[in-house]
Amino acid sequence: MGLAGNLDIVDNVLLKSYRKTQGIFVDKKRGEDLAKRSSTVLRLITPSVHHQIKKLSGGNIQKVLLGQEIDSDPEVLITAICPGPRYRRRLQYL
């Protein structure tokens, strides 16, 4: 799943996990916590987690997408490049 440019970071994080929720309600607090944690760990440069995706730089958009995919707890995650050791340590906290 990709990202929706008109939505903010929190809503985009929730797009990936809304099917896992029971009922019709979405836990915005959980989405905000996930967005803040990803923002800190991946060093996302943004005024807040309520900033629209389309207003971010390309690298920060990729970080949001990476955080979204890591949050889905995949068994395998294939990327174009292998992150260095410092970056791998930060990813352990997601």
N, C-alpha and C. Protein backbone atom coordinates (compact mmCIF):
# COMPACT_ATOMS: atom_id res chain seq x y z
N MET A 1 0.84 -1.17 0.00
CA MET A 1 0.00 0.00 0.00
C MET A 1 0.89 1.23 0.00
N GLY A 2 0.50 2.23 -0.71
CA GLY A 2 1.26 3.47 -0.79
C GLY A 2 0.79 4.49 0.23
N LEU A 3 0.99 5.74 -0.09
CA LEU A 3 0.60 6.84 0.78
C LEU A 3 -0.40 7.74 0.07
N ALA A 4 -1.23 8.40 0.84
CA ALA A 4 -2.19 9.37 0.31
C ALA A 4 -1.66 10.77 0.58
N GLY A 5 -1.30 11.50 -0.44
CA GLY A 5 -0.65 12.79 -0.32
C GLY A 5 -1.44 13.85 0.42
N ASN A 6 -2.76 13.82 0.32
CA ASN A 6 -3.57 14.84 0.98
C ASN A 6 -3.79 14.57 2.46
N LEU A 7 -3.47 13.36 2.92
CA LEU A 7 -3.64 13.03 4.34
C LEU A 7 -2.36 13.33 5.10
N ASP A 8 -2.49 13.47 6.42
CA ASP A 8 -1.30 13.72 7.23
C ASP A 8 -0.59 12.40 7.55
N ILE A 9 0.52 12.50 8.25
CA ILE A 9 1.34 11.32 8.54
C ILE A 9 0.57 10.32 9.39
N VAL A 10 -0.15 10.81 10.40
CA VAL A 10 -0.92 9.92 11.29
C VAL A 10 -1.95 9.13 10.49
N ASP A 11 -2.70 9.80 9.65
CA ASP A 11 -3.73 9.10 8.87
C ASP A 11 -3.13 8.09 7.91
N ASN A 12 -1.97 8.41 7.35
CA ASN A 12 -1.31 7.46 6.45
C ASN A 12 -0.81 6.23 7.21
N VAL A 13 -0.33 6.43 8.42
CA VAL A 13 0.09 5.28 9.24
C VAL A 13 -1.11 4.40 9.54
N LEU A 14 -2.25 5.02 9.79
CA LEU A 14 -3.46 4.25 10.10
C LEU A 14 -4.03 3.52 8.89
N LEU A 15 -3.75 4.00 7.68
CA LEU A 15 -4.27 3.34 6.47
C LEU A 15 -3.84 1.87 6.41
N LYS A 16 -2.63 1.61 6.84
CA LYS A 16 -2.09 0.25 6.77
C LYS A 16 -2.73 -0.67 7.80
N SER A 17 -3.18 -0.11 8.93
CA SER A 17 -3.64 -0.97 10.02
C SER A 17 -5.15 -0.94 10.26
N TYR A 18 -5.89 -0.19 9.44
CA TYR A 18 -7.33 -0.08 9.74
C TYR A 18 -8.07 -1.41 9.60
N ARG A 19 -7.59 -2.30 8.78
CA ARG A 19 -8.27 -3.59 8.59
C ARG A 19 -8.11 -4.50 9.81
N LYS A 20 -7.08 -4.24 10.61
CA LYS A 20 -6.84 -5.07 11.80
C LYS A 20 -7.76 -4.69 12.96
N THR A 21 -8.38 -3.52 12.89
CA THR A 21 -9.23 -3.06 13.99
C THR A 21 -10.59 -3.75 13.91
N GLN A 22 -11.17 -3.89 15.08
CA GLN A 22 -12.51 -4.48 15.14
C GLN A 22 -13.52 -3.35 15.20
N GLY A 23 -14.59 -3.47 14.49
CA GLY A 23 -15.61 -2.44 14.48
C GLY A 23 -15.31 -1.35 13.46
N ILE A 24 -16.01 -0.24 13.62
CA ILE A 24 -15.88 0.85 12.64
C ILE A 24 -15.00 1.99 13.14
N PHE A 25 -14.51 1.89 14.36
CA PHE A 25 -13.75 2.99 14.94
C PHE A 25 -12.24 2.77 14.76
N VAL A 26 -11.54 3.87 14.54
CA VAL A 26 -10.10 3.84 14.36
C VAL A 26 -9.47 4.50 15.58
N ASP A 27 -8.42 3.89 16.10
CA ASP A 27 -7.73 4.41 17.27
C ASP A 27 -6.69 5.45 16.84
N LYS A 28 -7.10 6.73 16.81
CA LYS A 28 -6.21 7.81 16.37
C LYS A 28 -5.00 7.95 17.29
N LYS A 29 -5.20 7.68 18.58
CA LYS A 29 -4.10 7.80 19.54
C LYS A 29 -2.99 6.82 19.20
N ARG A 30 -3.35 5.60 18.86
CA ARG A 30 -2.36 4.60 18.46
C ARG A 30 -1.62 5.04 17.21
N GLY A 31 -2.34 5.59 16.25
CA GLY A 31 -1.72 6.08 15.03
C GLY A 31 -0.76 7.23 15.30
N GLU A 32 -1.16 8.11 16.20
CA GLU A 32 -0.28 9.24 16.54
C GLU A 32 0.98 8.74 17.25
N ASP A 33 0.83 7.78 18.14
CA ASP A 33 1.99 7.21 18.84
C ASP A 33 2.95 6.53 17.85
N LEU A 34 2.40 5.76 16.92
CA LEU A 34 3.23 5.10 15.91
C LEU A 34 3.94 6.12 15.02
N ALA A 35 3.23 7.17 14.63
CA ALA A 35 3.82 8.20 13.78
C ALA A 35 4.94 8.93 14.51
N LYS A 36 4.73 9.24 15.79
CA LYS A 36 5.77 9.92 16.57
C LYS A 36 6.99 9.04 16.76
N ARG A 37 6.75 7.76 17.04
CA ARG A 37 7.88 6.84 17.24
C ARG A 37 8.68 6.69 15.94
N SER A 38 7.99 6.50 14.83
CA SER A 38 8.67 6.39 13.53
C SER A 38 9.41 7.67 13.21
N SER A 39 8.79 8.81 13.50
CA SER A 39 9.41 10.10 13.24
C SER A 39 10.71 10.26 14.01
N THR A 40 10.72 9.83 15.25
CA THR A 40 11.92 9.94 16.08
C THR A 40 13.00 8.96 15.63
N VAL A 41 12.62 7.71 15.47
CA VAL A 41 13.59 6.67 15.14
C VAL A 41 14.18 6.87 13.75
N LEU A 42 13.36 7.23 12.78
CA LEU A 42 13.83 7.39 11.41
C LEU A 42 14.30 8.82 11.10
N ARG A 43 14.28 9.66 12.12
CA ARG A 43 14.72 11.06 12.00
C ARG A 43 13.98 11.80 10.88
N LEU A 44 12.68 11.71 10.95
CA LEU A 44 11.82 12.39 9.99
C LEU A 44 11.84 13.89 10.26
N ILE A 45 12.06 14.68 9.24
CA ILE A 45 12.11 16.13 9.38
C ILE A 45 10.75 16.69 8.96
N THR A 46 9.96 17.08 9.96
CA THR A 46 8.61 17.59 9.73
C THR A 46 8.20 18.46 10.91
N PRO A 47 7.35 19.47 10.68
CA PRO A 47 6.89 20.31 11.79
C PRO A 47 6.10 19.52 12.84
N SER A 48 5.30 18.57 12.39
CA SER A 48 4.54 17.71 13.30
C SER A 48 4.07 16.48 12.53
N VAL A 49 3.53 15.52 13.27
CA VAL A 49 3.02 14.31 12.62
C VAL A 49 1.67 14.56 11.96
N HIS A 50 1.16 15.77 12.11
CA HIS A 50 -0.10 16.14 11.46
C HIS A 50 0.14 16.95 10.20
N HIS A 51 1.35 16.86 9.67
CA HIS A 51 1.75 17.56 8.44
C HIS A 51 1.37 16.70 7.24
N GLN A 52 0.86 17.32 6.17
CA GLN A 52 0.47 16.58 4.98
C GLN A 52 1.68 15.92 4.32
N ILE A 53 1.46 14.71 3.83
CA ILE A 53 2.52 13.95 3.17
C ILE A 53 3.05 14.70 1.95
N LYS A 54 2.17 15.30 1.16
CA LYS A 54 2.60 15.95 -0.08
C LYS A 54 3.51 17.15 0.16
N LYS A 55 3.59 17.64 1.39
CA LYS A 55 4.44 18.78 1.71
C LYS A 55 5.82 18.35 2.24
N LEU A 56 6.05 17.05 2.31
CA LEU A 56 7.34 16.53 2.78
C LEU A 56 8.30 16.36 1.61
N SER A 57 9.59 16.31 1.92
CA SER A 57 10.58 16.03 0.88
C SER A 57 10.48 14.55 0.49
N GLY A 58 11.08 14.21 -0.64
CA GLY A 58 11.03 12.82 -1.12
C GLY A 58 11.62 11.83 -0.13
N GLY A 59 12.74 12.20 0.49
CA GLY A 59 13.36 11.31 1.48
C GLY A 59 12.50 11.09 2.69
N ASN A 60 11.82 12.13 3.14
CA ASN A 60 10.94 11.99 4.30
C ASN A 60 9.69 11.19 3.96
N ILE A 61 9.22 11.30 2.74
CA ILE A 61 8.09 10.48 2.31
C ILE A 61 8.49 9.01 2.34
N GLN A 62 9.70 8.72 1.89
CA GLN A 62 10.19 7.34 1.92
C GLN A 62 10.30 6.83 3.36
N LYS A 63 10.70 7.70 4.28
CA LYS A 63 10.81 7.30 5.68
C LYS A 63 9.43 6.97 6.26
N VAL A 64 8.42 7.76 5.89
CA VAL A 64 7.05 7.48 6.36
C VAL A 64 6.60 6.12 5.83
N LEU A 65 6.85 5.86 4.56
CA LEU A 65 6.47 4.59 3.96
C LEU A 65 7.22 3.43 4.62
N LEU A 66 8.51 3.61 4.88
CA LEU A 66 9.29 2.57 5.55
C LEU A 66 8.76 2.30 6.95
N GLY A 67 8.46 3.35 7.70
CA GLY A 67 7.89 3.18 9.04
C GLY A 67 6.56 2.47 9.01
N GLN A 68 5.74 2.79 8.01
CA GLN A 68 4.44 2.15 7.84
C GLN A 68 4.61 0.65 7.57
N GLU A 69 5.56 0.32 6.73
CA GLU A 69 5.78 -1.09 6.40
C GLU A 69 6.38 -1.85 7.59
N ILE A 70 7.30 -1.24 8.30
CA ILE A 70 7.90 -1.91 9.47
C ILE A 70 6.85 -2.14 10.54
N ASP A 71 5.93 -1.19 10.70
CA ASP A 71 4.86 -1.32 11.70
C ASP A 71 3.95 -2.51 11.41
N SER A 72 3.85 -2.90 10.15
CA SER A 72 2.98 -4.04 9.81
C SER A 72 3.64 -5.38 10.18
N ASP A 73 4.85 -5.33 10.75
CA ASP A 73 5.57 -6.49 11.24
C ASP A 73 5.73 -7.57 10.16
N PRO A 74 6.39 -7.21 9.05
CA PRO A 74 6.55 -8.19 7.97
C PRO A 74 7.58 -9.26 8.33
N GLU A 75 7.42 -10.43 7.77
CA GLU A 75 8.42 -11.48 7.98
C GLU A 75 9.69 -11.15 7.21
N VAL A 76 9.53 -10.56 6.03
CA VAL A 76 10.66 -10.18 5.19
C VAL A 76 10.40 -8.77 4.66
N LEU A 77 11.44 -7.93 4.71
CA LEU A 77 11.34 -6.59 4.15
C LEU A 77 12.51 -6.39 3.21
N ILE A 78 12.21 -6.21 1.95
CA ILE A 78 13.26 -6.06 0.93
C ILE A 78 13.36 -4.59 0.57
N THR A 79 14.58 -4.04 0.66
CA THR A 79 14.81 -2.65 0.29
C THR A 79 15.85 -2.60 -0.82
N ALA A 80 15.96 -1.45 -1.46
CA ALA A 80 16.90 -1.30 -2.57
C ALA A 80 18.34 -1.28 -2.09
N ILE A 81 18.59 -0.74 -0.89
CA ILE A 81 19.94 -0.71 -0.35
C ILE A 81 19.94 -1.27 1.07
N CYS A 82 21.06 -1.74 1.50
CA CYS A 82 21.18 -2.27 2.85
C CYS A 82 21.58 -1.13 3.78
N PRO A 83 20.78 -0.85 4.82
CA PRO A 83 21.14 0.23 5.73
C PRO A 83 22.37 -0.13 6.54
N GLY A 84 23.16 0.89 6.88
CA GLY A 84 24.36 0.68 7.68
C GLY A 84 24.04 0.27 9.10
N PRO A 85 25.06 -0.08 9.91
CA PRO A 85 24.84 -0.58 11.27
C PRO A 85 24.14 0.42 12.18
N ARG A 86 24.45 1.72 12.06
CA ARG A 86 23.79 2.70 12.92
C ARG A 86 22.30 2.76 12.61
N TYR A 87 21.96 2.70 11.34
CA TYR A 87 20.56 2.77 10.93
C TYR A 87 19.81 1.52 11.37
N ARG A 88 20.47 0.36 11.27
CA ARG A 88 19.83 -0.89 11.70
C ARG A 88 19.50 -0.86 13.18
N ARG A 89 20.38 -0.28 14.00
CA ARG A 89 20.11 -0.17 15.44
C ARG A 89 18.87 0.66 15.69
N ARG A 90 18.70 1.74 14.94
CA ARG A 90 17.51 2.58 15.12
C ARG A 90 16.25 1.84 14.72
N LEU A 91 16.31 1.00 13.69
CA LEU A 91 15.14 0.27 13.22
C LEU A 91 14.66 -0.75 14.24
N GLN A 92 15.52 -1.19 15.14
CA GLN A 92 15.14 -2.16 16.16
C GLN A 92 14.09 -1.58 17.10
N TYR A 93 14.02 -0.27 17.21
CA TYR A 93 13.08 0.35 18.14
C TYR A 93 11.70 0.57 17.56
N LEU A 94 11.49 0.22 16.31
CA LEU A 94 10.16 0.37 15.70
C LEU A 94 9.28 -0.80 15.94
